[in-house]
């Protein structure tokens, strides 16, 4: 009897120890990190909270002291860099109902299109797209990238330019924060126009370049940004924006920079 009691007591102690160890393990086990992507609704820098919503729900996150904030250009940021209207992805853990964030990454919202009009005074940009035009307001600190040069100024963006715009959507119109035109420019006189093959040759003082016109190439004539190739004239001075792709100069904007001479020997291949 005594031996049986001792065995039962030992079994009870072992069971209690096992339960305690399991409870301790559950208490110290890391909580699986989750992600939530949506638009910033509200930022409270004083309380270090961030409210984000998607199509169906909104969530408020507590930003810990070590929460890493990464801007859309991959630079390190701070809570004051977060604004309503931005798209973000939040990495967080749900600790008994408290959504504790350890990282917030801005996700750049981009739109591609052709500049139909730009008005720096009214801070307005209109992009033409295949489905519809998109109007954006220009942020006061809107950056401009032309080819590999940043902060080139709004005056360097012209109607007919093919651009990529980084924007945000606060309450009201979309707001552009960066405009990028990555093409190179070349200026010279037209020496050949081949309408059927959609190519032109242009020469400056030191070289001649042949350009293949992209299907959506903008040919700017006055206030028109979609003029036909037949409006181009031999001898006319043009500025061509183009990308070099596998050795081919692909033009996406052509604009005259001077009048065509009365007589020229340039070659024109008609349609």
C-alpha atoms as a PDB file:
ATOM      1  CA  UNK A   1       0.000   0.000   0.000  1.00  0.00           C
ATOM      2  CA  UNK A   2       2.754   2.432   0.943  1.00  0.00           C
ATOM      3  CA  UNK A   3       4.615   1.692  -2.288  1.00  0.00           C
ATOM      4  CA  UNK A   4       1.445   2.257  -4.308  1.00  0.00           C
ATOM      5  CA  UNK A   5       0.882   5.627  -2.622  1.00  0.00           C
ATOM      6  CA  UNK A   6       4.471   6.651  -3.330  1.00  0.00           C
ATOM      7  CA  UNK A   7       4.103   5.717  -7.008  1.00  0.00           C
ATOM      8  CA  UNK A   8       0.815   7.618  -7.314  1.00  0.00           C
ATOM      9  CA  UNK A   9       2.363  10.650  -5.628  1.00  0.00           C
ATOM     10  CA  UNK A  10       5.386  10.539  -7.923  1.00  0.00           C
ATOM     11  CA  UNK A  11       3.136  10.267 -10.979  1.00  0.00           C
ATOM     12  CA  UNK A  12       1.133  13.264  -9.815  1.00  0.00           C
ATOM     13  CA  UNK A  13       4.292  15.328  -9.305  1.00  0.00           C
ATOM     14  CA  UNK A  14       5.617  14.366 -12.745  1.00  0.00           C
ATOM     15  CA  UNK A  15       2.283  15.274 -14.355  1.00  0.00           C
ATOM     16  CA  UNK A  16       2.228  18.659 -12.650  1.00  0.00           C
ATOM     17  CA  UNK A  17       5.801  19.354 -13.728  1.00  0.00           C
ATOM     18  CA  UNK A  18       4.951  18.404 -17.309  1.00  0.00           C
ATOM     19  CA  UNK A  19       1.938  20.739 -17.329  1.00  0.00           C
ATOM     20  CA  UNK A  20       4.031  23.593 -15.875  1.00  0.00           C
ATOM     21  CA  UNK A  21       6.756  23.055 -18.484  1.00  0.00           C
ATOM     22  CA  UNK A  22       4.158  23.049 -21.274  1.00  0.00           C
ATOM     23  CA  UNK A  23       2.613  26.263 -19.957  1.00  0.00           C
ATOM     24  CA  UNK A  24       6.035  27.921 -19.751  1.00  0.00           C
ATOM     25  CA  UNK A  25       6.796  26.836 -23.307  1.00  0.00           C
ATOM     26  CA  UNK A  26       3.495  28.265 -24.558  1.00  0.00           C
ATOM     27  CA  UNK A  27       4.159  31.547 -22.748  1.00  0.00           C
ATOM     28  CA  UNK A  28       7.613  31.955 -24.281  1.00  0.00           C
ATOM     29  CA  UNK A  29       6.839  30.607 -27.780  1.00  0.00           C
ATOM     30  CA  UNK A  30       7.120  33.352 -30.422  1.00  0.00           C
ATOM     31  CA  UNK A  31       3.893  34.597 -31.964  1.00  0.00           C
ATOM     32  CA  UNK A  32       3.806  34.102 -35.729  1.00  0.00           C
ATOM     33  CA  UNK A  33       4.242  37.342 -37.672  1.00  0.00           C
ATOM     34  CA  UNK A  34       1.460  38.407 -40.009  1.00  0.00           C
ATOM     35  CA  UNK A  35       1.202  41.010 -42.759  1.00  0.00           C
ATOM     36  CA  UNK A  36      -1.496  43.529 -43.628  1.00  0.00           C
ATOM     37  CA  UNK A  37      -1.465  45.709 -46.755  1.00  0.00           C
ATOM     38  CA  UNK A  38      -3.693  48.727 -47.222  1.00  0.00           C
ATOM     39  CA  UNK A  39      -3.989  52.498 -47.339  1.00  0.00           C
ATOM     40  CA  UNK A  40      -2.966  54.685 -44.408  1.00  0.00           C
ATOM     41  CA  UNK A  41      -6.020  56.322 -42.833  1.00  0.00           C
ATOM     42  CA  UNK A  42      -4.508  57.954 -39.771  1.00  0.00           C
ATOM     43  CA  UNK A  43      -1.104  58.439 -38.159  1.00  0.00           C
ATOM     44  CA  UNK A  44      -0.727  59.350 -34.477  1.00  0.00           C
ATOM     45  CA  UNK A  45       2.930  60.196 -33.961  1.00  0.00           C
ATOM     46  CA  UNK A  46       2.415  60.968 -30.256  1.00  0.00           C
ATOM     47  CA  UNK A  47       0.889  57.596 -29.446  1.00  0.00           C
ATOM     48  CA  UNK A  48       2.916  55.733 -32.104  1.00  0.00           C
ATOM     49  CA  UNK A  49      -0.159  54.216 -33.719  1.00  0.00           C
ATOM     50  CA  UNK A  50      -1.019  53.678 -37.352  1.00  0.00           C
ATOM     51  CA  UNK A  51      -4.485  52.962 -38.787  1.00  0.00           C
ATOM     52  CA  UNK A  52      -4.584  51.148 -42.130  1.00  0.00           C
ATOM     53  CA  UNK A  53      -7.557  49.940 -44.188  1.00  0.00           C
ATOM     54  CA  UNK A  54      -8.127  47.694 -47.171  1.00  0.00           C
ATOM     55  CA  UNK A  55     -11.365  47.052 -49.071  1.00  0.00           C
ATOM     56  CA  UNK A  56     -13.021  45.202 -46.206  1.00  0.00           C
ATOM     57  CA  UNK A  57     -11.564  46.265 -42.878  1.00  0.00           C
ATOM     58  CA  UNK A  58      -9.337  48.668 -40.998  1.00  0.00           C
ATOM     59  CA  UNK A  59      -6.781  47.931 -38.330  1.00  0.00           C
ATOM     60  CA  UNK A  60      -4.844  50.021 -35.827  1.00  0.00           C
ATOM     61  CA  UNK A  61      -1.267  49.016 -35.091  1.00  0.00           C
ATOM     62  CA  UNK A  62       1.009  49.922 -32.208  1.00  0.00           C
ATOM     63  CA  UNK A  63       4.448  50.848 -33.534  1.00  0.00           C
ATOM     64  CA  UNK A  64       7.122  49.667 -31.121  1.00  0.00           C
ATOM     65  CA  UNK A  65      10.267  51.628 -30.406  1.00  0.00           C
ATOM     66  CA  UNK A  66      12.233  49.350 -32.735  1.00  0.00           C
ATOM     67  CA  UNK A  67       9.660  49.339 -35.523  1.00  0.00           C
ATOM     68  CA  UNK A  68      11.525  49.656 -38.849  1.00  0.00           C
ATOM     69  CA  UNK A  69       9.937  52.076 -41.324  1.00  0.00           C
ATOM     70  CA  UNK A  70      11.083  51.813 -44.955  1.00  0.00           C
ATOM     71  CA  UNK A  71      10.145  54.450 -47.520  1.00  0.00           C
ATOM     72  CA  UNK A  72       8.991  53.527 -51.033  1.00  0.00           C
ATOM     73  CA  UNK A  73      12.444  54.468 -52.384  1.00  0.00           C
ATOM     74  CA  UNK A  74      14.020  51.874 -50.024  1.00  0.00           C
ATOM     75  CA  UNK A  75      15.507  54.480 -47.697  1.00  0.00           C
ATOM     76  CA  UNK A  76      15.033  54.354 -43.937  1.00  0.00           C
ATOM     77  CA  UNK A  77      12.154  56.463 -42.654  1.00  0.00           C
ATOM     78  CA  UNK A  78      10.394  57.587 -39.499  1.00  0.00           C
ATOM     79  CA  UNK A  79       6.789  57.738 -38.373  1.00  0.00           C
ATOM     80  CA  UNK A  80       6.551  61.325 -39.640  1.00  0.00           C
ATOM     81  CA  UNK A  81       7.213  59.991 -43.168  1.00  0.00           C
ATOM     82  CA  UNK A  82       3.889  58.137 -43.082  1.00  0.00           C
ATOM     83  CA  UNK A  83       0.909  60.046 -44.477  1.00  0.00           C
ATOM     84  CA  UNK A  84      -2.768  59.335 -45.105  1.00  0.00           C
ATOM     85  CA  UNK A  85      -3.255  58.045 -48.632  1.00  0.00           C
ATOM     86  CA  UNK A  86      -0.060  56.019 -48.806  1.00  0.00           C
ATOM     87  CA  UNK A  87      -0.079  52.295 -49.458  1.00  0.00           C
ATOM     88  CA  UNK A  88       1.847  50.309 -46.833  1.00  0.00           C
ATOM     89  CA  UNK A  89       2.534  46.750 -45.776  1.00  0.00           C
ATOM     90  CA  UNK A  90       2.693  46.230 -41.998  1.00  0.00           C
ATOM     91  CA  UNK A  91       4.479  43.287 -40.425  1.00  0.00           C
ATOM     92  CA  UNK A  92       2.979  42.630 -36.994  1.00  0.00           C
ATOM     93  CA  UNK A  93       2.163  40.145 -34.241  1.00  0.00           C
ATOM     94  CA  UNK A  94      -1.219  39.777 -32.598  1.00  0.00           C
ATOM     95  CA  UNK A  95      -0.451  39.678 -28.858  1.00  0.00           C
ATOM     96  CA  UNK A  96      -3.818  38.943 -27.223  1.00  0.00           C
ATOM     97  CA  UNK A  97      -5.599  41.521 -29.356  1.00  0.00           C
ATOM     98  CA  UNK A  98      -2.786  44.097 -29.466  1.00  0.00           C
ATOM     99  CA  UNK A  99      -1.430  44.446 -33.010  1.00  0.00           C
ATOM    100  CA  UNK A 100       2.252  45.147 -32.378  1.00  0.00           C
ATOM    101  CA  UNK A 101       4.082  46.197 -35.553  1.00  0.00           C
ATOM    102  CA  UNK A 102       7.798  45.630 -36.043  1.00  0.00           C
ATOM    103  CA  UNK A 103       8.042  46.922 -39.629  1.00  0.00           C
ATOM    104  CA  UNK A 104       6.142  49.234 -41.971  1.00  0.00           C
ATOM    105  CA  UNK A 105       7.040  49.345 -45.664  1.00  0.00           C
ATOM    106  CA  UNK A 106       5.668  51.981 -48.002  1.00  0.00           C
ATOM    107  CA  UNK A 107       4.468  50.495 -51.300  1.00  0.00           C
ATOM    108  CA  UNK A 108       4.837  52.941 -54.187  1.00  0.00           C
ATOM    109  CA  UNK A 109       1.640  53.442 -56.193  1.00  0.00           C
ATOM    110  CA  UNK A 110       2.688  54.089 -59.788  1.00  0.00           C
ATOM    111  CA  UNK A 111       0.837  55.103 -62.923  1.00  0.00           C
ATOM    112  CA  UNK A 112       2.266  55.208 -66.458  1.00  0.00           C
ATOM    113  CA  UNK A 113       0.980  57.528 -69.131  1.00  0.00           C
ATOM    114  CA  UNK A 114       1.580  60.305 -71.641  1.00  0.00           C
ATOM    115  CA  UNK A 115       1.582  63.882 -70.393  1.00  0.00           C
ATOM    116  CA  UNK A 116      -1.420  65.632 -71.940  1.00  0.00           C
ATOM    117  CA  UNK A 117      -0.914  68.803 -69.944  1.00  0.00           C
ATOM    118  CA  UNK A 118       1.099  70.052 -67.002  1.00  0.00           C
ATOM    119  CA  UNK A 119       0.424  73.317 -65.175  1.00  0.00           C
ATOM    120  CA  UNK A 120       2.985  74.052 -62.425  1.00  0.00           C
ATOM    121  CA  UNK A 121       1.123  77.216 -61.401  1.00  0.00           C
ATOM    122  CA  UNK A 122      -2.102  75.297 -60.741  1.00  0.00           C
ATOM    123  CA  UNK A 123      -0.118  72.264 -59.516  1.00  0.00           C
ATOM    124  CA  UNK A 124      -1.958  70.005 -61.956  1.00  0.00           C
ATOM    125  CA  UNK A 125      -0.873  67.140 -64.215  1.00  0.00           C
ATOM    126  CA  UNK A 126      -3.111  65.325 -66.717  1.00  0.00           C
ATOM    127  CA  UNK A 127      -1.957  61.919 -67.960  1.00  0.00           C
ATOM    128  CA  UNK A 128      -3.406  60.281 -71.024  1.00  0.00           C
ATOM    129  CA  UNK A 129      -3.847  56.524 -70.727  1.00  0.00           C
ATOM    130  CA  UNK A 130      -5.286  53.864 -73.023  1.00  0.00           C
ATOM    131  CA  UNK A 131      -8.498  53.631 -70.997  1.00  0.00           C
ATOM    132  CA  UNK A 132      -8.980  57.115 -69.532  1.00  0.00           C
ATOM    133  CA  UNK A 133      -7.221  60.349 -68.604  1.00  0.00           C
ATOM    134  CA  UNK A 134      -5.983  60.707 -65.039  1.00  0.00           C
ATOM    135  CA  UNK A 135      -5.689  64.068 -63.294  1.00  0.00           C
ATOM    136  CA  UNK A 136      -3.216  64.418 -60.437  1.00  0.00           C
ATOM    137  CA  UNK A 137      -2.301  67.313 -58.193  1.00  0.00           C
ATOM    138  CA  UNK A 138       1.418  68.072 -57.885  1.00  0.00           C
ATOM    139  CA  UNK A 139       2.809  67.974 -54.358  1.00  0.00           C
ATOM    140  CA  UNK A 140       4.712  71.075 -53.316  1.00  0.00           C
ATOM    141  CA  UNK A 141       7.866  68.950 -53.017  1.00  0.00           C
ATOM    142  CA  UNK A 142       7.177  66.868 -56.144  1.00  0.00           C
ATOM    143  CA  UNK A 143      10.464  65.467 -57.447  1.00  0.00           C
ATOM    144  CA  UNK A 144      11.324  65.175 -61.127  1.00  0.00           C
ATOM    145  CA  UNK A 145      13.689  62.620 -62.611  1.00  0.00           C
ATOM    146  CA  UNK A 146      14.827  63.035 -66.201  1.00  0.00           C
ATOM    147  CA  UNK A 147      16.940  60.117 -67.414  1.00  0.00           C
ATOM    148  CA  UNK A 148      19.413  59.680 -64.526  1.00  0.00           C
ATOM    149  CA  UNK A 149      19.141  63.203 -63.098  1.00  0.00           C
ATOM    150  CA  UNK A 150      16.921  63.741 -60.060  1.00  0.00           C
ATOM    151  CA  UNK A 151      15.204  67.060 -59.221  1.00  0.00           C
ATOM    152  CA  UNK A 152      15.377  68.378 -62.764  1.00  0.00           C
ATOM    153  CA  UNK A 153      12.363  70.644 -62.212  1.00  0.00           C
ATOM    154  CA  UNK A 154       8.786  70.616 -63.471  1.00  0.00           C
ATOM    155  CA  UNK A 155       9.775  72.740 -66.484  1.00  0.00           C
ATOM    156  CA  UNK A 156      11.578  69.720 -67.944  1.00  0.00           C
ATOM    157  CA  UNK A 157       8.324  67.727 -68.227  1.00  0.00           C
ATOM    158  CA  UNK A 158       6.502  68.511 -71.469  1.00  0.00           C
ATOM    159  CA  UNK A 159       3.262  67.431 -73.179  1.00  0.00           C
ATOM    160  CA  UNK A 160       3.854  64.174 -75.040  1.00  0.00           C
ATOM    161  CA  UNK A 161       6.407  62.885 -72.531  1.00  0.00           C
ATOM    162  CA  UNK A 162       5.984  59.266 -71.467  1.00  0.00           C
ATOM    163  CA  UNK A 163       6.360  59.269 -67.699  1.00  0.00           C
ATOM    164  CA  UNK A 164       5.906  57.175 -64.596  1.00  0.00           C
ATOM    165  CA  UNK A 165       4.324  58.941 -61.630  1.00  0.00           C
ATOM    166  CA  UNK A 166       4.525  57.893 -57.985  1.00  0.00           C
ATOM    167  CA  UNK A 167       1.406  59.137 -56.236  1.00  0.00           C
ATOM    168  CA  UNK A 168      -0.743  58.916 -53.120  1.00  0.00           C
ATOM    169  CA  UNK A 169      -4.510  59.004 -52.663  1.00  0.00           C
ATOM    170  CA  UNK A 170      -5.500  61.058 -49.642  1.00  0.00           C
ATOM    171  CA  UNK A 171      -9.082  62.226 -49.390  1.00  0.00           C
ATOM    172  CA  UNK A 172      -9.565  64.151 -52.635  1.00  0.00           C
ATOM    173  CA  UNK A 173      -7.552  64.031 -55.893  1.00  0.00           C
ATOM    174  CA  UNK A 174      -4.488  61.818 -56.289  1.00  0.00           C
ATOM    175  CA  UNK A 175      -1.255  63.648 -55.433  1.00  0.00           C
ATOM    176  CA  UNK A 176       1.938  63.149 -57.469  1.00  0.00           C
ATOM    177  CA  UNK A 177       5.152  62.995 -55.438  1.00  0.00           C
ATOM    178  CA  UNK A 178       7.593  61.970 -58.168  1.00  0.00           C
ATOM    179  CA  UNK A 179       7.591  62.174 -61.965  1.00  0.00           C
ATOM    180  CA  UNK A 180      10.156  60.136 -63.877  1.00  0.00           C
ATOM    181  CA  UNK A 181      11.057  60.354 -67.566  1.00  0.00           C
ATOM    182  CA  UNK A 182      13.836  57.862 -68.149  1.00  0.00           C
ATOM    183  CA  UNK A 183      14.369  58.436 -71.873  1.00  0.00           C
ATOM    184  CA  UNK A 184      17.414  60.132 -73.435  1.00  0.00           C
ATOM    185  CA  UNK A 185      17.006  63.191 -75.673  1.00  0.00           C
ATOM    186  CA  UNK A 186      18.666  63.808 -79.048  1.00  0.00           C
ATOM    187  CA  UNK A 187      18.300  66.957 -81.151  1.00  0.00           C
ATOM    188  CA  UNK A 188      19.121  67.317 -84.841  1.00  0.00           C
ATOM    189  CA  UNK A 189      17.809  67.760 -88.367  1.00  0.00           C
ATOM    190  CA  UNK A 190      15.735  65.155 -90.193  1.00  0.00           C
ATOM    191  CA  UNK A 191      17.669  63.503 -93.040  1.00  0.00           C
ATOM    192  CA  UNK A 192      15.326  60.579 -93.778  1.00  0.00           C
ATOM    193  CA  UNK A 193      11.704  59.644 -93.067  1.00  0.00           C
ATOM    194  CA  UNK A 194      10.442  56.111 -93.759  1.00  0.00           C
ATOM    195  CA  UNK A 195       6.702  56.122 -93.101  1.00  0.00           C
ATOM    196  CA  UNK A 196       5.996  52.458 -93.976  1.00  0.00           C
ATOM    197  CA  UNK A 197       8.721  51.180 -91.636  1.00  0.00           C
ATOM    198  CA  UNK A 198       8.109  53.917 -89.036  1.00  0.00           C
ATOM    199  CA  UNK A 199      11.720  55.075 -88.866  1.00  0.00           C
ATOM    200  CA  UNK A 200      13.428  58.454 -89.074  1.00  0.00           C
ATOM    201  CA  UNK A 201      17.080  59.444 -89.300  1.00  0.00           C
ATOM    202  CA  UNK A 202      18.282  62.583 -87.543  1.00  0.00           C
ATOM    203  CA  UNK A 203      21.735  64.155 -87.610  1.00  0.00           C
ATOM    204  CA  UNK A 204      23.433  66.676 -85.397  1.00  0.00           C
ATOM    205  CA  UNK A 205      26.874  68.228 -85.846  1.00  0.00           C
ATOM    206  CA  UNK A 206      28.776  65.031 -85.096  1.00  0.00           C
ATOM    207  CA  UNK A 207      26.564  61.991 -85.750  1.00  0.00           C
ATOM    208  CA  UNK A 208      23.461  60.533 -87.351  1.00  0.00           C
ATOM    209  CA  UNK A 209      20.972  58.354 -85.474  1.00  0.00           C
ATOM    210  CA  UNK A 210      18.133  56.234 -86.776  1.00  0.00           C
ATOM    211  CA  UNK A 211      15.042  55.890 -84.618  1.00  0.00           C
ATOM    212  CA  UNK A 212      12.229  53.352 -84.731  1.00  0.00           C
ATOM    213  CA  UNK A 213       8.957  54.907 -83.598  1.00  0.00           C
ATOM    214  CA  UNK A 214       7.121  53.037 -80.858  1.00  0.00           C
ATOM    215  CA  UNK A 215       3.471  52.259 -81.551  1.00  0.00           C
ATOM    216  CA  UNK A 216       2.472  54.869 -78.959  1.00  0.00           C
ATOM    217  CA  UNK A 217       5.129  57.419 -79.933  1.00  0.00           C
ATOM    218  CA  UNK A 218       3.894  60.971 -79.337  1.00  0.00           C
ATOM    219  CA  UNK A 219       4.478  63.323 -82.260  1.00  0.00           C
ATOM    220  CA  UNK A 220       3.955  66.831 -80.922  1.00  0.00           C
ATOM    221  CA  UNK A 221       2.732  69.495 -83.320  1.00  0.00           C
ATOM    222  CA  UNK A 222       1.537  72.661 -81.592  1.00  0.00           C
ATOM    223  CA  UNK A 223      -1.070  71.621 -79.060  1.00  0.00           C
ATOM    224  CA  UNK A 224      -1.455  68.133 -80.572  1.00  0.00           C
ATOM    225  CA  UNK A 225       0.495  65.217 -79.104  1.00  0.00           C
ATOM    226  CA  UNK A 226      -0.648  62.535 -81.555  1.00  0.00           C
ATOM    227  CA  UNK A 227       0.128  64.009 -84.960  1.00  0.00           C
ATOM    228  CA  UNK A 228       0.816  61.578 -87.855  1.00  0.00           C
ATOM    229  CA  UNK A 229       4.320  60.862 -89.179  1.00  0.00           C
ATOM    230  CA  UNK A 230       3.377  62.596 -92.436  1.00  0.00           C
ATOM    231  CA  UNK A 231       3.499  65.923 -90.578  1.00  0.00           C
ATOM    232  CA  UNK A 232       7.267  65.545 -90.174  1.00  0.00           C
ATOM    233  CA  UNK A 233       9.344  67.450 -92.735  1.00  0.00           C
ATOM    234  CA  UNK A 234      12.822  66.786 -94.144  1.00  0.00           C
ATOM    235  CA  UNK A 235      15.402  69.214 -92.775  1.00  0.00           C
ATOM    236  CA  UNK A 236      13.210  70.047 -89.771  1.00  0.00           C
ATOM    237  CA  UNK A 237      15.012  70.144 -86.444  1.00  0.00           C
ATOM    238  CA  UNK A 238      13.576  67.678 -83.951  1.00  0.00           C
ATOM    239  CA  UNK A 239      14.122  66.647 -80.363  1.00  0.00           C
ATOM    240  CA  UNK A 240      13.628  62.912 -79.987  1.00  0.00           C
ATOM    241  CA  UNK A 241      13.155  61.156 -76.652  1.00  0.00           C
ATOM    242  CA  UNK A 242      14.171  57.523 -76.896  1.00  0.00           C
ATOM    243  CA  UNK A 243      15.253  54.345 -75.136  1.00  0.00           C
ATOM    244  CA  UNK A 244      18.053  52.148 -76.457  1.00  0.00           C
ATOM    245  CA  UNK A 245      16.804  48.538 -76.432  1.00  0.00           C
ATOM    246  CA  UNK A 246      19.173  45.827 -77.695  1.00  0.00           C
ATOM    247  CA  UNK A 247      20.923  48.380 -79.864  1.00  0.00           C
ATOM    248  CA  UNK A 248      17.684  49.833 -81.293  1.00  0.00           C
ATOM    249  CA  UNK A 249      16.806  53.483 -80.638  1.00  0.00           C
ATOM    250  CA  UNK A 250      13.088  53.341 -79.793  1.00  0.00           C
ATOM    251  CA  UNK A 251      11.486  56.800 -79.927  1.00  0.00           C
ATOM    252  CA  UNK A 252       8.445  57.596 -77.787  1.00  0.00           C
ATOM    253  CA  UNK A 253       8.300  61.387 -78.272  1.00  0.00           C
ATOM    254  CA  UNK A 254       9.188  63.622 -81.223  1.00  0.00           C
ATOM    255  CA  UNK A 255       8.815  67.392 -81.187  1.00  0.00           C
ATOM    256  CA  UNK A 256      10.009  70.019 -83.679  1.00  0.00           C
ATOM    257  CA  UNK A 257      12.521  72.549 -82.370  1.00  0.00           C
ATOM    258  CA  UNK A 258      12.729  74.653 -85.529  1.00  0.00           C
ATOM    259  CA  UNK A 259      11.046  75.232 -88.908  1.00  0.00           C
ATOM    260  CA  UNK A 260      11.707  73.053 -91.944  1.00  0.00           C
ATOM    261  CA  UNK A 261      13.736  74.742 -94.723  1.00  0.00           C
ATOM    262  CA  UNK A 262      12.062  75.571 -98.019  1.00  0.00           C
ATOM    263  CA  UNK A 263      14.215  73.090 -99.959  1.00  0.00           C
ATOM    264  CA  UNK A 264      16.004  69.949 -98.813  1.00  0.00           C
ATOM    265  CA  UNK A 265      17.619  66.829-100.197  1.00  0.00           C
ATOM    266  CA  UNK A 266      16.473  64.603 -97.337  1.00  0.00           C
ATOM    267  CA  UNK A 267      14.972  61.263 -98.323  1.00  0.00           C
ATOM    268  CA  UNK A 268      11.290  60.601 -97.671  1.00  0.00           C
ATOM    269  CA  UNK A 269       9.674  57.190 -98.122  1.00  0.00           C
ATOM    270  CA  UNK A 270       5.896  57.707 -98.569  1.00  0.00           C
ATOM    271  CA  UNK A 271       3.155  55.423 -97.326  1.00  0.00           C
END
